[in-house]
Each structure stands twice: as C-alpha cells, then as structure tokens.
C-alpha cells in the first residue's frame, strides 16, 4: 500500500501548478508515495475589492491552508514565498525552498499592443511596485488591481489598463512568457522578498523523508536574508519594503528598499557578506537603510 501525502494549495491555476511541481518531485523520487492536491479558496482570494493592506495583509492567503495542516487534512502546504507572512507559527515550520525561478518584475502590455497608452493607468497590486514605478514612469497613473493572474490579464486585455506589472516567475511557470514586454532589472525595481521561490510548509514533530533533496541551498540562503530584512523593518503588505539576495558560492549580495511612513522618504542600498550569515546580513542592511532614511532619503 502506498503512503499518501496531501498537499494543501490555493485553487488558482498558478497555485495548483506550483503544488504540482512539488507533487512531481515527491512522486519521482519516492516510488512508495502517492500525492494528492487539496485545493481551497483563501480569504485573500475572496476579498478582491480592497488592497491587501486594508484587509489584513498576506496572512489572508495562508489561514485556511494553515488550518488544514493543523487538523491533519493535509501534510504539506505549498506557497509562493513572497505571499507568506514574515512571522511563521512555530508549529508550522518552513521545510524547504525550491530552486528559484526568474525573480524579476516585468511589464505586460495588452494583447497586440506595442507601447504604453499614456491615457490608461498601469495596473499594480503592491505598494512596493507602485513606489518604484513612480521613478520609472513619473507621468503615468498607477491603479490597484487584484485577482489571480488570469483575471488580471483579462482586465488588461479588455482595455482597463495600459500595462500590468507582474512577477516573471508566475508567467513563466504558466507558459505565458510570450506576454512579457520588458524585464525590470533588480536595480530598477527591487523584487519582493522571496519572489520566484516556492516554500514547502509542514507541521512540527512530523518526518518528511520524501522531501529529501528538494531544498535548494541558494534559495534557502537568499530567502532567509530577504525575509530577515523585511521582518526587522516590520514590513508586510502595508509597508513597501523590498529585498533581493543573490548567492554566489560562499558569498551573498543583498539589495534592499526601505520606506519611512512618517514622512514618505525612502532609500535603496546593498550589502554583501558570507552566505552562512544570511539572516544577519538582512538585519544589518535593514539597520543601515533605516539610519540613512532618517537622515533624508529620496
């Protein structure tokens, strides 16, 4: 009899596909394990008429999945790491990070369009992107857009927006790379912490031999540095902070963006050091930018 593993997933096409990537890994590397995906609609997927910072932040995308793990209805949850709250319950630890897909943000035009329409807004779902877009496109209006990837693309193609700013990773995983008009470099637009990484979450006290070899050491170091930076600054959906790390051998290079809500000033910076000190590097850069911003940022 096969050992059965249930993966909890949001029900969007992208979330299911990401869970299937983990399912394929487990089934390919463990002949005695059968994997099933349990989909569910999260609160964050249901409330689409308000921005995330107005309705409770990223925790709304994990609440139902966490409950399924705790109740034993699932053994794993698969998330986009960028959608996870910075504080993870001790009883539901992060077990592994996937190899990182392209972490960059991209510009997507309506089907058939060759350039931006200055009379229509840019569609963007995050304060982090909105802030950086004001530097890149100072004359363009930026308007909030919510919903899954397909919903956003439908709104774009129906003429509501001049373009969307999206994560390259999701488009590439869904085979929609052809929709990308241009890539933003990490210097132009620092990605969200964890962008492009899949996080596998489990329950404390359980064994997960079937995940052996799944965790990518580079992504683990990068994700931990980025999340330490954001956590130190207490940045979630209500604060447009950004962090992007790149592991290179034993070294780690980290970019960050800090925004000071008191006066709207913000600044970018970077730090490098030993990858073994990933979390400490994140904290050090956060302290550095907080001090710089206090002296007058952008």
Protein backbone atom coordinates (compact mmCIF):
# COMPACT_ATOMS: atom_id res chain seq x y z
CA UNK A 1 0.00 0.00 0.00
CA UNK A 2 1.31 3.42 -0.98
CA UNK A 3 1.98 6.12 1.57
CA UNK A 4 -0.38 9.05 0.82
CA UNK A 5 0.63 12.72 1.11
CA UNK A 6 -1.90 15.54 0.74
CA UNK A 7 -0.66 18.98 -0.35
CA UNK A 8 -2.83 21.97 0.55
CA UNK A 9 -2.99 24.61 -2.19
CA UNK A 10 -4.86 27.76 -3.13
CA UNK A 11 -7.18 26.97 -6.04
CA UNK A 12 -5.82 29.37 -8.67
CA UNK A 13 -4.22 27.83 -11.77
CA UNK A 14 -0.79 29.14 -10.74
CA UNK A 15 -1.06 27.86 -7.15
CA UNK A 16 -2.14 24.40 -8.35
CA UNK A 17 0.66 24.26 -10.91
CA UNK A 18 3.18 25.18 -8.20
CA UNK A 19 1.83 22.43 -5.95
CA UNK A 20 2.08 20.01 -8.89
CA UNK A 21 5.79 20.85 -9.21
CA UNK A 22 6.30 19.64 -5.62
CA UNK A 23 3.99 16.67 -6.24
CA UNK A 24 6.06 15.64 -9.28
CA UNK A 25 9.29 15.86 -7.28
CA UNK A 26 7.95 13.70 -4.43
CA UNK A 27 6.43 11.05 -6.72
CA UNK A 28 9.52 10.92 -8.98
CA UNK A 29 11.93 10.47 -6.07
CA UNK A 30 9.77 8.22 -3.85
CA UNK A 31 8.25 5.15 -5.51
CA UNK A 32 6.07 4.30 -2.50
CA UNK A 33 4.42 7.70 -2.12
CA UNK A 34 1.18 8.88 -3.72
CA UNK A 35 0.47 12.65 -3.64
CA UNK A 36 -2.92 14.34 -3.80
CA UNK A 37 -3.60 18.09 -4.01
CA UNK A 38 -6.34 19.58 -1.82
CA UNK A 39 -7.40 22.98 -3.18
CA UNK A 40 -9.18 25.68 -1.22
CA UNK A 41 -10.18 29.30 -1.63
CA UNK A 42 -8.45 31.56 0.89
CA UNK A 43 -9.85 34.77 2.37
CA UNK A 44 -7.29 36.72 0.32
CA UNK A 45 -8.69 35.16 -2.87
CA UNK A 46 -12.27 36.02 -1.95
CA UNK A 47 -11.92 39.71 -0.98
CA UNK A 48 -10.83 41.42 -4.20
CA UNK A 49 -12.35 44.90 -3.91
CA UNK A 50 -9.72 46.24 -1.47
CA UNK A 51 -5.92 46.30 -1.38
CA UNK A 52 -4.23 43.75 0.90
CA UNK A 53 -3.02 46.34 3.39
CA UNK A 54 -6.67 47.32 4.01
CA UNK A 55 -7.90 43.79 4.77
CA UNK A 56 -5.16 42.23 6.89
CA UNK A 57 -2.12 41.53 4.73
CA UNK A 58 -0.52 38.34 3.49
CA UNK A 59 -1.83 36.15 6.31
CA UNK A 60 -5.15 36.04 4.46
CA UNK A 61 -3.56 33.79 1.81
CA UNK A 62 -2.42 31.14 4.30
CA UNK A 63 -5.05 30.98 7.05
CA UNK A 64 -7.17 28.20 5.52
CA UNK A 65 -4.08 26.22 4.46
CA UNK A 66 -2.62 26.51 7.98
CA UNK A 67 -5.89 25.18 9.44
CA UNK A 68 -5.81 22.15 7.13
CA UNK A 69 -2.22 21.37 8.22
CA UNK A 70 -3.03 21.68 11.91
CA UNK A 71 -6.13 19.48 11.57
CA UNK A 72 -4.23 16.80 9.63
CA UNK A 73 -6.31 17.20 6.45
CA UNK A 74 -3.04 17.95 4.64
CA UNK A 75 0.61 17.05 5.34
CA UNK A 76 2.19 19.91 3.35
CA UNK A 77 1.29 23.36 2.04
CA UNK A 78 2.96 24.90 -1.00
CA UNK A 79 3.13 28.69 -1.19
CA UNK A 80 4.82 31.39 -3.21
CA UNK A 81 7.32 32.52 -0.59
CA UNK A 82 6.59 36.17 -1.40
CA UNK A 83 2.95 35.65 -0.33
CA UNK A 84 3.85 34.28 3.09
CA UNK A 85 3.70 36.37 6.28
CA UNK A 86 7.12 37.17 7.75
CA UNK A 87 6.19 35.50 11.03
CA UNK A 88 5.53 31.76 10.62
CA UNK A 89 3.97 29.78 13.52
CA UNK A 90 6.48 27.52 15.31
CA UNK A 91 4.10 24.59 14.91
CA UNK A 92 4.07 25.07 11.09
CA UNK A 93 7.73 25.42 10.05
CA UNK A 94 9.04 26.08 6.55
CA UNK A 95 10.69 22.82 5.44
CA UNK A 96 12.24 23.62 2.08
CA UNK A 97 12.60 26.23 -0.67
CA UNK A 98 12.53 25.37 -4.38
CA UNK A 99 15.16 26.32 -6.93
CA UNK A 100 14.39 29.96 -7.68
CA UNK A 101 12.51 30.84 -10.87
CA UNK A 102 13.25 34.22 -12.52
CA UNK A 103 12.81 36.71 -9.63
CA UNK A 104 12.37 39.86 -11.73
CA UNK A 105 9.29 42.02 -12.19
CA UNK A 106 8.06 42.55 -15.75
CA UNK A 107 5.86 44.84 -17.82
CA UNK A 108 2.97 43.20 -19.68
CA UNK A 109 1.09 45.08 -22.42
CA UNK A 110 -2.44 44.34 -23.69
CA UNK A 111 -2.55 41.66 -26.41
CA UNK A 112 -1.38 43.20 -29.68
CA UNK A 113 -0.10 46.47 -28.15
CA UNK A 114 3.44 47.62 -28.92
CA UNK A 115 3.76 50.53 -26.46
CA UNK A 116 2.20 52.09 -23.36
CA UNK A 117 -1.01 54.08 -23.69
CA UNK A 118 -0.39 57.22 -21.57
CA UNK A 119 -4.15 57.75 -21.11
CA UNK A 120 -4.65 54.50 -19.22
CA UNK A 121 -3.19 53.52 -15.82
CA UNK A 122 -0.53 50.97 -15.01
CA UNK A 123 -2.05 48.07 -13.08
CA UNK A 124 -0.14 47.14 -9.98
CA UNK A 125 -1.04 45.18 -6.84
CA UNK A 126 1.69 46.24 -4.42
CA UNK A 127 2.92 49.40 -2.72
CA UNK A 128 6.49 48.21 -3.33
CA UNK A 129 5.98 48.27 -7.09
CA UNK A 130 3.94 51.48 -7.03
CA UNK A 131 6.72 53.36 -5.27
CA UNK A 132 9.40 52.23 -7.72
CA UNK A 133 7.14 52.80 -10.76
CA UNK A 134 6.90 56.49 -9.87
CA UNK A 135 10.62 56.73 -10.61
CA UNK A 136 10.43 54.70 -13.83
CA UNK A 137 7.21 56.19 -15.21
CA UNK A 138 6.71 59.54 -13.44
CA UNK A 139 3.96 60.67 -15.84
CA UNK A 140 1.84 57.51 -15.62
CA UNK A 141 -1.07 56.90 -13.25
CA UNK A 142 -0.78 53.71 -11.18
CA UNK A 143 -4.03 51.94 -10.26
CA UNK A 144 -4.53 48.95 -7.97
CA UNK A 145 -5.52 45.61 -9.48
CA UNK A 146 -6.40 42.40 -7.59
CA UNK A 147 -7.29 38.85 -8.58
CA UNK A 148 -5.39 35.86 -9.90
CA UNK A 149 -3.09 36.10 -12.90
CA UNK A 150 -5.73 35.16 -15.48
CA UNK A 151 -8.21 37.68 -14.03
CA UNK A 152 -5.63 40.47 -14.21
CA UNK A 153 -4.70 39.62 -17.79
CA UNK A 154 -8.39 39.65 -18.79
CA UNK A 155 -8.79 43.13 -17.28
CA UNK A 156 -5.67 44.27 -19.13
CA UNK A 157 -6.77 42.85 -22.49
CA UNK A 158 -10.28 44.32 -22.12
CA UNK A 159 -8.76 47.81 -22.14
CA UNK A 160 -8.86 48.83 -18.47
CA UNK A 161 -5.09 49.29 -18.16
CA UNK A 162 -2.15 50.46 -20.23
CA UNK A 163 0.02 47.65 -18.81
CA UNK A 164 0.44 45.37 -15.79
CA UNK A 165 3.50 44.92 -13.60
CA UNK A 166 3.77 41.24 -12.67
CA UNK A 167 6.30 38.69 -11.46
CA UNK A 168 8.16 36.91 -14.26
CA UNK A 169 8.08 33.67 -12.26
CA UNK A 170 4.31 33.19 -12.42
CA UNK A 171 4.10 33.99 -16.13
CA UNK A 172 6.95 31.59 -16.93
CA UNK A 173 5.52 28.76 -14.83
CA UNK A 174 2.18 29.11 -16.66
CA UNK A 175 3.84 29.19 -20.08
CA UNK A 176 2.94 32.86 -20.64
CA UNK A 177 6.47 34.16 -21.13
CA UNK A 178 5.41 35.50 -24.55
CA UNK A 179 3.28 38.14 -22.77
CA UNK A 180 6.36 39.81 -21.26
CA UNK A 181 7.14 43.15 -22.96
CA UNK A 182 10.15 44.09 -20.85
CA UNK A 183 12.02 42.91 -17.77
CA UNK A 184 12.95 45.30 -14.96
CA UNK A 185 16.46 44.79 -13.62
CA UNK A 186 16.73 44.32 -9.83
CA UNK A 187 18.34 47.78 -9.70
CA UNK A 188 15.35 49.37 -11.48
CA UNK A 189 12.77 47.53 -9.39
CA UNK A 190 13.87 45.51 -6.37
CA UNK A 191 11.68 42.38 -6.23
CA UNK A 192 9.54 41.31 -3.29
CA UNK A 193 11.26 39.19 -0.65
CA UNK A 194 11.01 35.56 -1.75
CA UNK A 195 9.84 36.30 -5.30
CA UNK A 196 10.33 33.26 -7.56
CA UNK A 197 10.78 30.80 -4.65
CA UNK A 198 8.26 28.11 -3.68
CA UNK A 199 8.04 27.40 0.05
CA UNK A 200 7.02 23.98 1.37
CA UNK A 201 5.48 24.14 4.83
CA UNK A 202 4.77 21.30 7.23
CA UNK A 203 3.89 20.52 10.83
CA UNK A 204 6.34 20.42 13.74
CA UNK A 205 7.16 16.95 15.04
CA UNK A 206 6.45 15.17 11.74
CA UNK A 207 9.02 13.45 9.49
CA UNK A 208 9.37 14.31 5.81
CA UNK A 209 11.80 11.78 4.27
CA UNK A 210 10.08 12.15 0.89
CA UNK A 211 11.29 15.80 0.65
CA UNK A 212 14.96 14.81 0.88
CA UNK A 213 17.00 16.70 -1.74
CA UNK A 214 14.20 19.14 -2.63
CA UNK A 215 15.54 22.15 -0.73
CA UNK A 216 17.81 24.43 -2.80
CA UNK A 217 20.67 25.82 -0.66
CA UNK A 218 20.99 29.05 -2.70
CA UNK A 219 17.28 29.81 -2.48
CA UNK A 220 17.30 28.97 1.25
CA UNK A 221 20.10 31.49 1.93
CA UNK A 222 18.57 34.15 -0.33
CA UNK A 223 15.05 33.74 1.05
CA UNK A 224 16.22 33.86 4.66
CA UNK A 225 18.29 37.03 4.08
CA UNK A 226 15.37 38.76 2.34
CA UNK A 227 12.82 37.76 4.97
CA UNK A 228 15.13 38.82 7.83
CA UNK A 229 15.44 42.27 6.20
CA UNK A 230 11.67 42.68 5.87
CA UNK A 231 10.93 41.18 9.29
CA UNK A 232 13.33 43.59 11.01
CA UNK A 233 11.57 46.54 9.38
CA UNK A 234 8.18 45.03 10.20
CA UNK A 235 7.28 45.32 6.53
CA UNK A 236 4.36 43.39 5.13
CA UNK A 237 1.65 44.48 2.74
CA UNK A 238 1.18 47.83 4.46
CA UNK A 239 4.78 48.94 4.02
CA UNK A 240 6.53 48.99 0.62
CA UNK A 241 9.85 47.42 1.59
CA UNK A 242 11.71 45.20 -0.88
CA UNK A 243 14.65 42.80 -0.66
CA UNK A 244 16.53 40.70 -3.19
CA UNK A 245 19.54 38.48 -2.44
CA UNK A 246 21.86 36.65 -4.81
CA UNK A 247 24.04 33.79 -3.61
CA UNK A 248 27.40 33.32 -5.31
CA UNK A 249 29.48 30.49 -3.89
CA UNK A 250 30.02 31.24 -0.20
CA UNK A 251 29.04 34.91 -0.63
CA UNK A 252 25.67 36.64 -0.63
CA UNK A 253 24.78 40.03 -2.16
CA UNK A 254 21.61 41.69 -0.85
CA UNK A 255 19.70 44.73 -2.17
CA UNK A 256 17.00 46.40 -0.11
CA UNK A 257 14.47 49.22 -0.16
CA UNK A 258 13.16 50.89 2.98
CA UNK A 259 10.24 53.31 3.16
CA UNK A 260 9.59 55.63 6.09
CA UNK A 261 5.85 56.03 6.55
CA UNK A 262 6.21 59.08 8.80
CA UNK A 263 7.42 61.36 6.01
CA UNK A 264 7.32 59.29 2.80
CA UNK A 265 11.11 59.25 2.41
CA UNK A 266 12.73 56.08 1.11
CA UNK A 267 16.12 54.74 0.18
CA UNK A 268 17.79 51.78 -1.50
CA UNK A 269 21.06 50.13 -0.57
CA UNK A 270 23.03 46.91 -0.66
CA UNK A 271 25.35 44.76 1.43
CA UNK A 272 27.45 41.65 0.84
CA UNK A 273 28.90 39.03 3.14
CA UNK A 274 29.11 35.34 3.93
CA UNK A 275 26.02 33.33 2.98
CA UNK A 276 26.23 31.47 6.28
CA UNK A 277 25.26 34.80 7.89
CA UNK A 278 22.24 35.32 5.60
CA UNK A 279 19.77 36.43 8.28
CA UNK A 280 22.35 38.66 9.97
CA UNK A 281 23.09 40.35 6.63
CA UNK A 282 19.38 41.07 6.19
CA UNK A 283 19.21 42.69 9.62
CA UNK A 284 22.42 44.68 9.05
CA UNK A 285 21.12 46.15 5.77
CA UNK A 286 17.77 46.96 7.38
CA UNK A 287 19.53 48.87 10.18
CA UNK A 288 21.76 50.65 7.66
CA UNK A 289 18.85 51.85 5.49
CA UNK A 290 16.74 52.83 8.47
CA UNK A 291 19.56 55.08 9.68
CA UNK A 292 20.17 56.52 6.19
CA UNK A 293 16.49 57.24 5.63
CA UNK A 294 16.33 59.06 8.93
CA UNK A 295 18.98 61.45 7.62
CA UNK A 296 16.96 62.18 4.49
CA UNK A 297 16.17 59.65 1.78
CA UNK A 298 14.69 60.03 -1.68
